[in-house]
PDB file of N, CA and C in Angstrom:
ATOM      1  N   MET A   1     -20.546   9.995   8.063  1.00  0.00           N
ATOM      2  CA  MET A   1     -20.126   9.241   9.229  1.00  0.00           C
ATOM      3  C   MET A   1     -18.653   9.530   9.509  1.00  0.00           C
ATOM      4  N   PHE A   2     -18.310   9.584  10.767  1.00  0.00           N
ATOM      5  CA  PHE A   2     -16.943   9.858  11.185  1.00  0.00           C
ATOM      6  C   PHE A   2     -16.388   8.670  11.955  1.00  0.00           C
ATOM      7  N   TYR A   3     -15.047   8.500  11.831  1.00  0.00           N
ATOM      8  CA  TYR A   3     -14.357   7.402  12.493  1.00  0.00           C
ATOM      9  C   TYR A   3     -13.207   7.945  13.327  1.00  0.00           C
ATOM     10  N   THR A   4     -12.949   7.273  14.439  1.00  0.00           N
ATOM     11  CA  THR A   4     -11.773   7.588  15.242  1.00  0.00           C
ATOM     12  C   THR A   4     -10.573   6.869  14.639  1.00  0.00           C
ATOM     13  N   VAL A   5      -9.399   7.107  15.195  1.00  0.00           N
ATOM     14  CA  VAL A   5      -8.203   6.399  14.750  1.00  0.00           C
ATOM     15  C   VAL A   5      -8.412   4.896  14.925  1.00  0.00           C
ATOM     16  N   ARG A   6      -8.929   4.497  16.065  1.00  0.00           N
ATOM     17  CA  ARG A   6      -9.132   3.068  16.336  1.00  0.00           C
ATOM     18  C   ARG A   6     -10.099   2.446  15.337  1.00  0.00           C
ATOM     19  N   GLU A   7     -11.203   3.123  15.086  1.00  0.00           N
ATOM     20  CA  GLU A   7     -12.192   2.601  14.141  1.00  0.00           C
ATOM     21  C   GLU A   7     -11.624   2.534  12.724  1.00  0.00           C
ATOM     22  N   THR A   8     -10.846   3.543  12.366  1.00  0.00           N
ATOM     23  CA  THR A   8     -10.213   3.572  11.044  1.00  0.00           C
ATOM     24  C   THR A   8      -9.216   2.433  10.917  1.00  0.00           C
ATOM     25  N   ALA A   9      -8.447   2.226  11.966  1.00  0.00           N
ATOM     26  CA  ALA A   9      -7.461   1.138  11.961  1.00  0.00           C
ATOM     27  C   ALA A   9      -8.150  -0.207  11.797  1.00  0.00           C
ATOM     28  N   LEU A  10      -9.230  -0.420  12.508  1.00  0.00           N
ATOM     29  CA  LEU A  10      -9.979  -1.676  12.399  1.00  0.00           C
ATOM     30  C   LEU A  10     -10.545  -1.836  10.982  1.00  0.00           C
ATOM     31  N   LYS A  11     -11.053  -0.757  10.447  1.00  0.00           N
ATOM     32  CA  LYS A  11     -11.635  -0.784   9.099  1.00  0.00           C
ATOM     33  C   LYS A  11     -10.579  -1.151   8.055  1.00  0.00           C
ATOM     34  N   LEU A  12      -9.348  -0.662   8.243  1.00  0.00           N
ATOM     35  CA  LEU A  12      -8.271  -0.905   7.276  1.00  0.00           C
ATOM     36  C   LEU A  12      -7.410  -2.119   7.628  1.00  0.00           C
ATOM     37  N   GLY A  13      -7.605  -2.675   8.800  1.00  0.00           N
ATOM     38  CA  GLY A  13      -6.822  -3.845   9.198  1.00  0.00           C
ATOM     39  C   GLY A  13      -5.372  -3.529   9.499  1.00  0.00           C
ATOM     40  N   ILE A  14      -5.139  -2.357  10.081  1.00  0.00           N
ATOM     41  CA  ILE A  14      -3.780  -1.937  10.433  1.00  0.00           C
ATOM     42  C   ILE A  14      -3.765  -1.502  11.903  1.00  0.00           C
ATOM     43  N   PRO A  15      -2.585  -1.435  12.502  1.00  0.00           N
ATOM     44  CA  PRO A  15      -2.525  -0.951  13.890  1.00  0.00           C
ATOM     45  C   PRO A  15      -2.798   0.554  13.960  1.00  0.00           C
ATOM     46  N   SER A  16      -3.421   0.972  15.043  1.00  0.00           N
ATOM     47  CA  SER A  16      -3.667   2.405  15.261  1.00  0.00           C
ATOM     48  C   SER A  16      -2.360   3.187  15.253  1.00  0.00           C
ATOM     49  N   SER A  17      -1.303   2.558  15.744  1.00  0.00           N
ATOM     50  CA  SER A  17      -0.003   3.231  15.806  1.00  0.00           C
ATOM     51  C   SER A  17       0.494   3.630  14.418  1.00  0.00           C
ATOM     52  N   LYS A  18       0.145   2.863  13.417  1.00  0.00           N
ATOM     53  CA  LYS A  18       0.568   3.183  12.051  1.00  0.00           C
ATOM     54  C   LYS A  18      -0.102   4.476  11.583  1.00  0.00           C
ATOM     55  N   ILE A  19      -1.364   4.644  11.922  1.00  0.00           N
ATOM     56  CA  ILE A  19      -2.078   5.863  11.550  1.00  0.00           C
ATOM     57  C   ILE A  19      -1.465   7.057  12.275  1.00  0.00           C
ATOM     58  N   ARG A  20      -1.206   6.887  13.552  1.00  0.00           N
ATOM     59  CA  ARG A  20      -0.594   7.984  14.316  1.00  0.00           C
ATOM     60  C   ARG A  20       0.796   8.328  13.774  1.00  0.00           C
ATOM     61  N   PHE A  21       1.555   7.302  13.401  1.00  0.00           N
ATOM     62  CA  PHE A  21       2.884   7.508  12.816  1.00  0.00           C
ATOM     63  C   PHE A  21       2.771   8.296  11.509  1.00  0.00           C
ATOM     64  N   TYR A  22       1.866   7.889  10.636  1.00  0.00           N
ATOM     65  CA  TYR A  22       1.669   8.592   9.363  1.00  0.00           C
ATOM     66  C   TYR A  22       1.270  10.042   9.613  1.00  0.00           C
ATOM     67  N   ASP A  23       0.427  10.252  10.612  1.00  0.00           N
ATOM     68  CA  ASP A  23       0.003  11.623  10.933  1.00  0.00           C
ATOM     69  C   ASP A  23       1.187  12.453  11.419  1.00  0.00           C
ATOM     70  N   LYS A  24       2.014  11.885  12.295  1.00  0.00           N
ATOM     71  CA  LYS A  24       3.182  12.600  12.808  1.00  0.00           C
ATOM     72  C   LYS A  24       4.181  12.921  11.696  1.00  0.00           C
ATOM     73  N   LYS A  25       4.228  12.068  10.672  1.00  0.00           N
ATOM     74  CA  LYS A  25       5.128  12.296   9.538  1.00  0.00           C
ATOM     75  C   LYS A  25       4.546  13.290   8.537  1.00  0.00           C
ATOM     76  N   GLY A  26       3.354  13.801   8.817  1.00  0.00           N
ATOM     77  CA  GLY A  26       2.745  14.802   7.941  1.00  0.00           C
ATOM     78  C   GLY A  26       2.055  14.221   6.718  1.00  0.00           C
ATOM     79  N   LEU A  27       1.774  12.909   6.741  1.00  0.00           N
ATOM     80  CA  LEU A  27       1.163  12.261   5.588  1.00  0.00           C
ATOM     81  C   LEU A  27      -0.356  12.338   5.589  1.00  0.00           C
ATOM     82  N   LEU A  28      -0.923  12.862   6.672  1.00  0.00           N
ATOM     83  CA  LEU A  28      -2.379  12.957   6.771  1.00  0.00           C
ATOM     84  C   LEU A  28      -2.837  14.387   7.077  1.00  0.00           C
ATOM     85  N   PRO A  29      -2.402  15.360   6.275  1.00  0.00           N
ATOM     86  CA  PRO A  29      -2.760  16.749   6.585  1.00  0.00           C
ATOM     87  C   PRO A  29      -4.256  17.025   6.429  1.00  0.00           C
ATOM     88  N   PHE A  30      -4.975  16.144   5.790  1.00  0.00           N
ATOM     89  CA  PHE A  30      -6.395  16.319   5.530  1.00  0.00           C
ATOM     90  C   PHE A  30      -7.267  15.919   6.716  1.00  0.00           C
ATOM     91  N   ILE A  31      -6.680  15.292   7.727  1.00  0.00           N
ATOM     92  CA  ILE A  31      -7.448  14.802   8.861  1.00  0.00           C
ATOM     93  C   ILE A  31      -7.840  15.956   9.776  1.00  0.00           C
ATOM     94  N   GLU A  32      -9.126  16.015  10.078  1.00  0.00           N
ATOM     95  CA  GLU A  32      -9.659  17.019  10.998  1.00  0.00           C
ATOM     96  C   GLU A  32      -9.562  16.500  12.421  1.00  0.00           C
ATOM     97  N   ARG A  33      -9.723  17.410  13.343  1.00  0.00           N
ATOM     98  CA  ARG A  33      -9.766  17.031  14.759  1.00  0.00           C
ATOM     99  C   ARG A  33     -11.037  17.584  15.375  1.00  0.00           C
ATOM    100  N   SER A  34     -11.557  16.809  16.313  1.00  0.00           N
ATOM    101  CA  SER A  34     -12.746  17.260  17.033  1.00  0.00           C
ATOM    102  C   SER A  34     -12.337  18.390  17.974  1.00  0.00           C
ATOM    103  N   PRO A  35     -13.293  19.092  18.558  1.00  0.00           N
ATOM    104  CA  PRO A  35     -12.949  20.176  19.493  1.00  0.00           C
ATOM    105  C   PRO A  35     -12.058  19.727  20.650  1.00  0.00           C
ATOM    106  N   ASN A  36     -12.151  18.444  21.047  1.00  0.00           N
ATOM    107  CA  ASN A  36     -11.284  17.976  22.137  1.00  0.00           C
ATOM    108  C   ASN A  36     -10.009  17.313  21.623  1.00  0.00           C
ATOM    109  N   GLY A  37      -9.675  17.495  20.329  1.00  0.00           N
ATOM    110  CA  GLY A  37      -8.394  17.062  19.785  1.00  0.00           C
ATOM    111  C   GLY A  37      -8.334  15.656  19.225  1.00  0.00           C
ATOM    112  N   VAL A  38      -9.456  14.963  19.184  1.00  0.00           N
ATOM    113  CA  VAL A  38      -9.481  13.604  18.654  1.00  0.00           C
ATOM    114  C   VAL A  38      -9.514  13.650  17.126  1.00  0.00           C
ATOM    115  N   ARG A  39      -8.622  12.865  16.506  1.00  0.00           N
ATOM    116  CA  ARG A  39      -8.625  12.790  15.043  1.00  0.00           C
ATOM    117  C   ARG A  39      -9.932  12.151  14.584  1.00  0.00           C
ATOM    118  N   ILE A  40     -10.530  12.774  13.557  1.00  0.00           N
ATOM    119  CA  ILE A  40     -11.761  12.212  13.004  1.00  0.00           C
ATOM    120  C   ILE A  40     -11.588  12.022  11.498  1.00  0.00           C
ATOM    121  N   PHE A  41     -11.986  10.838  11.048  1.00  0.00           N
ATOM    122  CA  PHE A  41     -11.833  10.447   9.655  1.00  0.00           C
ATOM    123  C   PHE A  41     -13.198  10.323   9.000  1.00  0.00           C
ATOM    124  N   THR A  42     -13.336  10.897   7.819  1.00  0.00           N
ATOM    125  CA  THR A  42     -14.533  10.700   7.012  1.00  0.00           C
ATOM    126  C   THR A  42     -14.310   9.461   6.142  1.00  0.00           C
ATOM    127  N   GLU A  43     -15.344   9.036   5.445  1.00  0.00           N
ATOM    128  CA  GLU A  43     -15.197   7.920   4.493  1.00  0.00           C
ATOM    129  C   GLU A  43     -14.126   8.250   3.464  1.00  0.00           C
ATOM    130  N   ASP A  44     -14.127   9.496   2.968  1.00  0.00           N
ATOM    131  CA  ASP A  44     -13.115   9.909   1.986  1.00  0.00           C
ATOM    132  C   ASP A  44     -11.711   9.862   2.585  1.00  0.00           C
ATOM    133  N   ASP A  45     -11.576  10.256   3.848  1.00  0.00           N
ATOM    134  CA  ASP A  45     -10.270  10.201   4.514  1.00  0.00           C
ATOM    135  C   ASP A  45      -9.774   8.763   4.629  1.00  0.00           C
ATOM    136  N   VAL A  46     -10.681   7.864   4.973  1.00  0.00           N
ATOM    137  CA  VAL A  46     -10.319   6.447   5.089  1.00  0.00           C
ATOM    138  C   VAL A  46      -9.865   5.922   3.731  1.00  0.00           C
ATOM    139  N   ALA A  47     -10.609   6.274   2.678  1.00  0.00           N
ATOM    140  CA  ALA A  47     -10.250   5.829   1.322  1.00  0.00           C
ATOM    141  C   ALA A  47      -8.894   6.405   0.911  1.00  0.00           C
ATOM    142  N   HIS A  48      -8.640   7.659   1.261  1.00  0.00           N
ATOM    143  CA  HIS A  48      -7.365   8.287   0.924  1.00  0.00           C
ATOM    144  C   HIS A  48      -6.218   7.628   1.679  1.00  0.00           C
ATOM    145  N   LEU A  49      -6.430   7.342   2.939  1.00  0.00           N
ATOM    146  CA  LEU A  49      -5.402   6.647   3.729  1.00  0.00           C
ATOM    147  C   LEU A  49      -5.143   5.261   3.139  1.00  0.00           C
ATOM    148  N   GLN A  50      -6.193   4.583   2.723  1.00  0.00           N
ATOM    149  CA  GLN A  50      -6.024   3.273   2.104  1.00  0.00           C
ATOM    150  C   GLN A  50      -5.185   3.391   0.826  1.00  0.00           C
ATOM    151  N   ASP A  51      -5.409   4.434   0.043  1.00  0.00           N
ATOM    152  CA  ASP A  51      -4.588   4.669  -1.151  1.00  0.00           C
ATOM    153  C   ASP A  51      -3.124   4.872  -0.776  1.00  0.00           C
ATOM    154  N   LEU A  52      -2.877   5.639   0.277  1.00  0.00           N
ATOM    155  CA  LEU A  52      -1.499   5.870   0.720  1.00  0.00           C
ATOM    156  C   LEU A  52      -0.848   4.561   1.168  1.00  0.00           C
ATOM    157  N   LEU A  53      -1.608   3.718   1.834  1.00  0.00           N
ATOM    158  CA  LEU A  53      -1.076   2.422   2.268  1.00  0.00           C
ATOM    159  C   LEU A  53      -0.710   1.551   1.071  1.00  0.00           C
ATOM    160  N   VAL A  54      -1.510   1.609   0.025  1.00  0.00           N
ATOM    161  CA  VAL A  54      -1.206   0.851  -1.190  1.00  0.00           C
ATOM    162  C   VAL A  54       0.062   1.403  -1.840  1.00  0.00           C
ATOM    163  N   LEU A  55       0.190   2.723  -1.891  1.00  0.00           N
ATOM    164  CA  LEU A  55       1.408   3.320  -2.455  1.00  0.00           C
ATOM    165  C   LEU A  55       2.627   2.878  -1.649  1.00  0.00           C
ATOM    166  N   LYS A  56       2.486   2.848  -0.331  1.00  0.00           N
ATOM    167  CA  LYS A  56       3.589   2.397   0.524  1.00  0.00           C
ATOM    168  C   LYS A  56       3.909   0.934   0.237  1.00  0.00           C
ATOM    169  N   ASP A  57       2.872   0.114   0.129  1.00  0.00           N
ATOM    170  CA  ASP A  57       3.077  -1.307  -0.175  1.00  0.00           C
ATOM    171  C   ASP A  57       3.709  -1.506  -1.549  1.00  0.00           C
ATOM    172  N   SER A  58       3.468  -0.577  -2.454  1.00  0.00           N
ATOM    173  CA  SER A  58       4.026  -0.692  -3.807  1.00  0.00           C
ATOM    174  C   SER A  58       5.508  -0.349  -3.846  1.00  0.00           C
ATOM    175  N   GLY A  59       6.005   0.233  -2.756  1.00  0.00           N
ATOM    176  CA  GLY A  59       7.422   0.550  -2.712  1.00  0.00           C
ATOM    177  C   GLY A  59       7.753   2.014  -2.497  1.00  0.00           C
ATOM    178  N   PHE A  60       6.738   2.868  -2.401  1.00  0.00           N
ATOM    179  CA  PHE A  60       7.013   4.277  -2.108  1.00  0.00           C
ATOM    180  C   PHE A  60       7.681   4.362  -0.738  1.00  0.00           C
ATOM    181  N   SER A  61       8.727   5.171  -0.651  1.00  0.00           N
ATOM    182  CA  SER A  61       9.346   5.437   0.645  1.00  0.00           C
ATOM    183  C   SER A  61       8.485   6.465   1.388  1.00  0.00           C
ATOM    184  N   LEU A  62       8.752   6.651   2.668  1.00  0.00           N
ATOM    185  CA  LEU A  62       8.025   7.683   3.415  1.00  0.00           C
ATOM    186  C   LEU A  62       8.282   9.061   2.824  1.00  0.00           C
ATOM    187  N   LYS A  63       9.506   9.280   2.369  1.00  0.00           N
ATOM    188  CA  LYS A  63       9.849  10.565   1.752  1.00  0.00           C
ATOM    189  C   LYS A  63       9.038  10.771   0.468  1.00  0.00           C
ATOM    190  N   GLU A  64       8.932   9.721  -0.344  1.00  0.00           N
ATOM    191  CA  GLU A  64       8.146   9.817  -1.578  1.00  0.00           C
ATOM    192  C   GLU A  64       6.662  10.014  -1.271  1.00  0.00           C
ATOM    193  N   LEU A  65       6.170   9.323  -0.233  1.00  0.00           N
ATOM    194  CA  LEU A  65       4.778   9.519   0.167  1.00  0.00           C
ATOM    195  C   LEU A  65       4.533  10.956   0.598  1.00  0.00           C
ATOM    196  N   ALA A  66       5.465  11.508   1.355  1.00  0.00           N
ATOM    197  CA  ALA A  66       5.328  12.897   1.802  1.00  0.00           C
ATOM    198  C   ALA A  66       5.297  13.844   0.603  1.00  0.00           C
ATOM    199  N   GLU A  67       6.165  13.584  -0.369  1.00  0.00           N
ATOM    200  CA  GLU A  67       6.169  14.408  -1.580  1.00  0.00           C
ATOM    201  C   GLU A  67       4.843  14.260  -2.322  1.00  0.00           C
ATOM    202  N   TYR A  68       4.355  13.049  -2.425  1.00  0.00           N
ATOM    203  CA  TYR A  68       3.099  12.789  -3.142  1.00  0.00           C
ATOM    204  C   TYR A  68       1.934  13.511  -2.464  1.00  0.00           C
ATOM    205  N   VAL A  69       1.871  13.443  -1.140  1.00  0.00           N
ATOM    206  CA  VAL A  69       0.806  14.117  -0.391  1.00  0.00           C
ATOM    207  C   VAL A  69       0.890  15.627  -0.604  1.00  0.00           C
ATOM    208  N   LYS A  70       2.097  16.149  -0.583  1.00  0.00           N
ATOM    209  CA  LYS A  70       2.291  17.586  -0.814  1.00  0.00           C
ATOM    210  C   LYS A  70       1.824  17.965  -2.225  1.00  0.00           C
ATOM    211  N   LEU A  71       2.170  17.132  -3.192  1.00  0.00           N
ATOM    212  CA  LEU A  71       1.756  17.392  -4.570  1.00  0.00           C
ATOM    213  C   LEU A  71       0.242  17.309  -4.723  1.00  0.00           C
ATOM    214  N   GLU A  72      -0.380  16.361  -4.033  1.00  0.00           N
ATOM    215  CA  GLU A  72      -1.842  16.251  -4.079  1.00  0.00           C
ATOM    216  C   GLU A  72      -2.499  17.544  -3.617  1.00  0.00           C
ATOM    217  N   ALA A  73      -1.927  18.136  -2.579  1.00  0.00           N
ATOM    218  CA  ALA A  73      -2.483  19.375  -2.035  1.00  0.00           C
ATOM    219  C   ALA A  73      -2.400  20.514  -3.049  1.00  0.00           C
ATOM    220  N   GLU A  74      -1.464  20.419  -3.990  1.00  0.00           N
ATOM    221  CA  GLU A  74      -1.318  21.448  -5.015  1.00  0.00           C
ATOM    222  C   GLU A  74      -2.364  21.324  -6.116  1.00  0.00           C
ATOM    223  N   GLY A  75      -3.055  20.211  -6.143  1.00  0.00           N
ATOM    224  CA  GLY A  75      -4.124  20.030  -7.116  1.00  0.00           C
ATOM    225  C   GLY A  75      -3.625  19.734  -8.519  1.00  0.00           C
ATOM    226  N   GLU A  76      -4.371  20.216  -9.494  1.00  0.00           N
ATOM    227  CA  GLU A  76      -4.104  19.893 -10.898  1.00  0.00           C
ATOM    228  C   GLU A  76      -2.729  20.327 -11.389  1.00  0.00           C
ATOM    229  N   ARG A  77      -2.174  21.358 -10.822  1.00  0.00           N
ATOM    230  CA  ARG A  77      -0.880  21.841 -11.331  1.00  0.00           C
ATOM    231  C   ARG A  77       0.268  20.861 -11.074  1.00  0.00           C
ATOM    232  N   SER A  78       0.025  19.888 -10.190  1.00  0.00           N
ATOM    233  CA  SER A  78       1.075  18.902  -9.902  1.00  0.00           C
ATOM    234  C   SER A  78       0.781  17.537 -10.519  1.00  0.00           C
ATOM    235  N   VAL A  79      -0.245  17.459 -11.337  1.00  0.00           N
ATOM    236  CA  VAL A  79      -0.676  16.157 -11.841  1.00  0.00           C
ATOM    237  C   VAL A  79       0.403  15.473 -12.689  1.00  0.00           C
ATOM    238  N   ILE A  80       1.186  16.224 -13.428  1.00  0.00           N
ATOM    239  CA  ILE A  80       2.232  15.622 -14.267  1.00  0.00           C
ATOM    240  C   ILE A  80       3.277  14.951 -13.388  1.00  0.00           C
ATOM    241  N   ARG A  81       3.710  15.615 -12.331  1.00  0.00           N
ATOM    242  CA  ARG A  81       4.714  15.034 -11.438  1.00  0.00           C
ATOM    243  C   ARG A  81       4.163  13.800 -10.728  1.00  0.00           C
ATOM    244  N   ARG A  82       2.901  13.879 -10.286  1.00  0.00           N
ATOM    245  CA  ARG A  82       2.301  12.713  -9.634  1.00  0.00           C
ATOM    246  C   ARG A  82       2.207  11.545 -10.606  1.00  0.00           C
ATOM    247  N   LEU A  83       1.828  11.832 -11.834  1.00  0.00           N
ATOM    248  CA  LEU A  83       1.743  10.780 -12.846  1.00  0.00           C
ATOM    249  C   LEU A  83       3.112  10.154 -13.084  1.00  0.00           C
ATOM    250  N   GLU A  84       4.150  10.973 -13.125  1.00  0.00           N
ATOM    251  CA  GLU A  84       5.510  10.442 -13.294  1.00  0.00           C
ATOM    252  C   GLU A  84       5.864   9.497 -12.146  1.00  0.00           C
ATOM    253  N   MET A  85       5.541   9.896 -10.923  1.00  0.00           N
ATOM    254  CA  MET A  85       5.837   9.057  -9.764  1.00  0.00           C
ATOM    255  C   MET A  85       5.074   7.733  -9.843  1.00  0.00           C
ATOM    256  N   LEU A  86       3.812   7.817 -10.217  1.00  0.00           N
ATOM    257  CA  LEU A  86       2.986   6.615 -10.311  1.00  0.00           C
ATOM    258  C   LEU A  86       3.447   5.704 -11.438  1.00  0.00           C
ATOM    259  N   GLU A  87       3.799   6.286 -12.578  1.00  0.00           N
ATOM    260  CA  GLU A  87       4.265   5.473 -13.703  1.00  0.00           C
ATOM    261  C   GLU A  87       5.581   4.775 -13.381  1.00  0.00           C
ATOM    262  N   GLN A  88       6.472   5.473 -12.689  1.00  0.00           N
ATOM    263  CA  GLN A  88       7.738   4.858 -12.301  1.00  0.00           C
ATOM    264  C   GLN A  88       7.484   3.650 -11.399  1.00  0.00           C
ATOM    265  N   ARG A  89       6.641   3.844 -10.406  1.00  0.00           N
ATOM    266  CA  ARG A  89       6.344   2.749  -9.474  1.00  0.00           C
ATOM    267  C   ARG A  89       5.603   1.629 -10.209  1.00  0.00           C
ATOM    268  N   TYR A  90       4.679   1.988 -11.102  1.00  0.00           N
ATOM    269  CA  TYR A  90       3.926   1.002 -11.881  1.00  0.00           C
ATOM    270  C   TYR A  90       4.880   0.118 -12.676  1.00  0.00           C
ATOM    271  N   ASN A  91       5.839   0.744 -13.326  1.00  0.00           N
ATOM    272  CA  ASN A  91       6.818  -0.014 -14.114  1.00  0.00           C
ATOM    273  C   ASN A  91       7.689  -0.904 -13.231  1.00  0.00           C
ATOM    274  N   GLU A  92       8.089  -0.395 -12.077  1.00  0.00           N
ATOM    275  CA  GLU A  92       8.900  -1.187 -11.163  1.00  0.00           C
ATOM    276  C   GLU A  92       8.119  -2.382 -10.617  1.00  0.00           C
ATOM    277  N   VAL A  93       6.858  -2.170 -10.277  1.00  0.00           N
ATOM    278  CA  VAL A  93       6.024  -3.269  -9.789  1.00  0.00           C
ATOM    279  C   VAL A  93       5.810  -4.290 -10.908  1.00  0.00           C
ATOM    280  N   GLY A  94       5.579  -3.811 -12.131  1.00  0.00           N
ATOM    281  CA  GLY A  94       5.417  -4.717 -13.266  1.00  0.00           C
ATOM    282  C   GLY A  94       6.650  -5.574 -13.485  1.00  0.00           C
ATOM    283  N   SER A  95       7.822  -4.979 -13.370  1.00  0.00           N
ATOM    284  CA  SER A  95       9.073  -5.735 -13.516  1.00  0.00           C
ATOM    285  C   SER A  95       9.216  -6.774 -12.410  1.00  0.00           C
ATOM    286  N   GLU A  96       8.851  -6.399 -11.205  1.00  0.00           N
ATOM    287  CA  GLU A  96       8.941  -7.332 -10.080  1.00  0.00           C
ATOM    288  C   GLU A  96       7.955  -8.491 -10.263  1.00  0.00           C
ATOM    289  N   ILE A  97       6.768  -8.191 -10.759  1.00  0.00           N
ATOM    290  CA  ILE A  97       5.790  -9.253 -11.012  1.00  0.00           C
ATOM    291  C   ILE A  97       6.336 -10.213 -12.064  1.00  0.00           C
ATOM    292  N   ALA A  98       6.929  -9.681 -13.125  1.00  0.00           N
ATOM    293  CA  ALA A  98       7.496 -10.540 -14.176  1.00  0.00           C
ATOM    294  C   ALA A  98       8.612 -11.418 -13.602  1.00  0.00           C
ATOM    295  N   ARG A  99       9.462 -10.838 -12.758  1.00  0.00           N
ATOM    296  CA  ARG A  99      10.534 -11.614 -12.136  1.00  0.00           C
ATOM    297  C   ARG A  99       9.947 -12.713 -11.265  1.00  0.00           C
ATOM    298  N   LEU A 100       8.953 -12.366 -10.470  1.00  0.00           N
ATOM    299  CA  LEU A 100       8.335 -13.347  -9.583  1.00  0.00           C
ATOM    300  C   LEU A 100       7.578 -14.416 -10.371  1.00  0.00           C
ATOM    301  N   GLN A 101       7.038 -14.054 -11.527  1.00  0.00           N
ATOM    302  CA  GLN A 101       6.371 -15.045 -12.367  1.00  0.00           C
ATOM    303  C   GLN A 101       7.374 -16.107 -12.816  1.00  0.00           C
ATOM    304  N   GLY A 102       8.580 -15.671 -13.152  1.00  0.00           N
ATOM    305  CA  GLY A 102       9.640 -16.615 -13.507  1.00  0.00           C
ATOM    306  C   GLY A 102      10.002 -17.512 -12.339  1.00  0.00           C
ATOM    307  N   VAL A 103      10.094 -16.937 -11.160  1.00  0.00           N
ATOM    308  CA  VAL A 103      10.381 -17.714  -9.951  1.00  0.00           C
ATOM    309  C   VAL A 103       9.263 -18.726  -9.718  1.00  0.00           C
ATOM    310  N   LEU A 104       8.025 -18.288  -9.875  1.00  0.00           N
ATOM    311  CA  LEU A 104       6.879 -19.167  -9.669  1.00  0.00           C
ATOM    312  C   LEU A 104       6.904 -20.352 -10.645  1.00  0.00           C
ATOM    313  N   GLU A 105       7.272 -20.088 -11.867  1.00  0.00           N
ATOM    314  CA  GLU A 105       7.346 -21.168 -12.864  1.00  0.00           C
ATOM    315  C   GLU A 105       8.401 -22.204 -12.485  1.00  0.00           C
ATOM    316  N   ILE A 106       9.541 -21.746 -12.003  1.00  0.00           N
ATOM    317  CA  ILE A 106      10.597 -22.675 -11.570  1.00  0.00           C
ATOM    318  C   ILE A 106      10.141 -23.473 -10.359  1.00  0.00           C
ATOM    319  N   LEU A 107       9.506 -22.795  -9.405  1.00  0.00           N
ATOM    320  CA  LEU A 107       8.992 -23.498  -8.227  1.00  0.00           C
ATOM    321  C   LEU A 107       7.959 -24.554  -8.627  1.00  0.00           C
ATOM    322  N   GLU A 108       7.091 -24.205  -9.561  1.00  0.00           N
ATOM    323  CA  GLU A 108       6.083 -25.159 -10.013  1.00  0.00           C
ATOM    324  C   GLU A 108       6.730 -26.371 -10.690  1.00  0.00           C
ATOM    325  N   LYS A 109       7.751 -26.126 -11.497  1.00  0.00           N
ATOM    326  CA  LYS A 109       8.462 -27.223 -12.159  1.00  0.00           C
ATOM    327  C   LYS A 109       9.082 -28.146 -11.112  1.00  0.00           C
ATOM    328  N   GLN A 110       9.722 -27.562 -10.094  1.00  0.00           N
ATOM    329  CA  GLN A 110      10.337 -28.354  -9.026  1.00  0.00           C
ATOM    330  C   GLN A 110       9.273 -29.114  -8.234  1.00  0.00           C
ATOM    331  N   ARG A 111       8.183 -28.441  -7.954  1.00  0.00           N
ATOM    332  CA  ARG A 111       7.082 -29.052  -7.219  1.00  0.00           C
ATOM    333  C   ARG A 111       6.516 -30.245  -7.978  1.00  0.00           C
ATOM    334  N   GLN A 112       6.286 -30.064  -9.253  1.00  0.00           N
ATOM    335  CA  GLN A 112       5.747 -31.150 -10.077  1.00  0.00           C
ATOM    336  C   GLN A 112       6.721 -32.328 -10.126  1.00  0.00           C
ATOM    337  N   GLY A 113       8.021 -32.033 -10.152  1.00  0.00           N
ATOM    338  CA  GLY A 113       9.024 -33.098 -10.114  1.00  0.00           C
ATOM    339  C   GLY A 113       8.931 -33.907  -8.834  1.00  0.00           C
ATOM    340  N   CYS A 114       8.756 -33.229  -7.716  1.00  0.00           N
ATOM    341  CA  CYS A 114       8.624 -33.923  -6.427  1.00  0.00           C
ATOM    342  C   CYS A 114       7.347 -34.755  -6.388  1.00  0.00           C
ATOM    343  N   ILE A 115       6.263 -34.204  -6.894  1.00  0.00           N
ATOM    344  CA  ILE A 115       4.998 -34.944  -6.923  1.00  0.00           C
ATOM    345  C   ILE A 115       5.142 -36.202  -7.783  1.00  0.00           C
ATOM    346  N   ALA A 116       5.806 -36.057  -8.928  1.00  0.00           N
ATOM    347  CA  ALA A 116       6.005 -37.212  -9.806  1.00  0.00           C
ATOM    348  C   ALA A 116       6.830 -38.289  -9.105  1.00  0.00           C
ATOM    349  N   MET A 117       7.865 -37.891  -8.359  1.00  0.00           N
ATOM    350  CA  MET A 117       8.675 -38.873  -7.627  1.00  0.00           C
ATOM    351  C   MET A 117       7.835 -39.585  -6.564  1.00  0.00           C
ATOM    352  N   LEU A 118       7.007 -38.834  -5.855  1.00  0.00           N
ATOM    353  CA  LEU A 118       6.151 -39.443  -4.831  1.00  0.00           C
ATOM    354  C   LEU A 118       5.163 -40.426  -5.454  1.00  0.00           C
ATOM    355  N   GLU A 119       4.597 -40.043  -6.583  1.00  0.00           N
ATOM    356  CA  GLU A 119       3.658 -40.938  -7.265  1.00  0.00           C
ATOM    357  C   GLU A 119       4.367 -42.207  -7.742  1.00  0.00           C
ATOM    358  N   HIS A 120       5.578 -42.042  -8.214  1.00  0.00           N
ATOM    359  CA  HIS A 120       6.357 -43.188  -8.667  1.00  0.00           C
ATOM    360  C   HIS A 120       6.648 -44.136  -7.487  1.00  0.00           C
ATOM    361  N   GLN A 121       7.040 -43.553  -6.355  1.00  0.00           N
ATOM    362  CA  GLN A 121       7.313 -44.361  -5.167  1.00  0.00           C
ATOM    363  C   GLN A 121       6.046 -45.093  -4.698  1.00  0.00           C
ATOM    364  N   ALA A 122       4.909 -44.435  -4.787  1.00  0.00           N
ATOM    365  CA  ALA A 122       3.664 -45.047  -4.335  1.00  0.00           C
ATOM    366  C   ALA A 122       3.256 -46.211  -5.228  1.00  0.00           C
ATOM    367  N   ASN A 123       3.699 -46.173  -6.492  1.00  0.00           N
ATOM    368  CA  ASN A 123       3.333 -47.243  -7.437  1.00  0.00           C
ATOM    369  C   ASN A 123       4.291 -48.428  -7.388  1.00  0.00           C
ATOM    370  N   LEU A 124       5.336 -48.333  -6.610  1.00  0.00           N
ATOM    371  CA  LEU A 124       6.315 -49.447  -6.535  1.00  0.00           C
ATOM    372  C   LEU A 124       5.828 -50.572  -5.659  1.00  0.00           C
TER     373      LEU A 124
END
């Protein structure tokens, strides 16, 4: 099955303009075009684009995404570099999660304090 940019955008829950932007930046070299120039996405293309969106959400810059896409095209010979990029981002995301977990604990403590005060006021 094939999808247009619009259908792909709806499937991924993103604006069509984002897909066109990624394509213009060279991040979607795998996308085929129909004889009349319409971008067509396969299921695998949609899944690959979704992976790129996750990498972007994880903190990859557009430049890093472009490098990653280029490395993917090189196949197995670039797997070490791709793994390094992924491990770096993995560690950074893990650190951010740990930091946010600390923030969440403080917020919960403050929240519970407010709830306790409200309960105390209600019992007066």
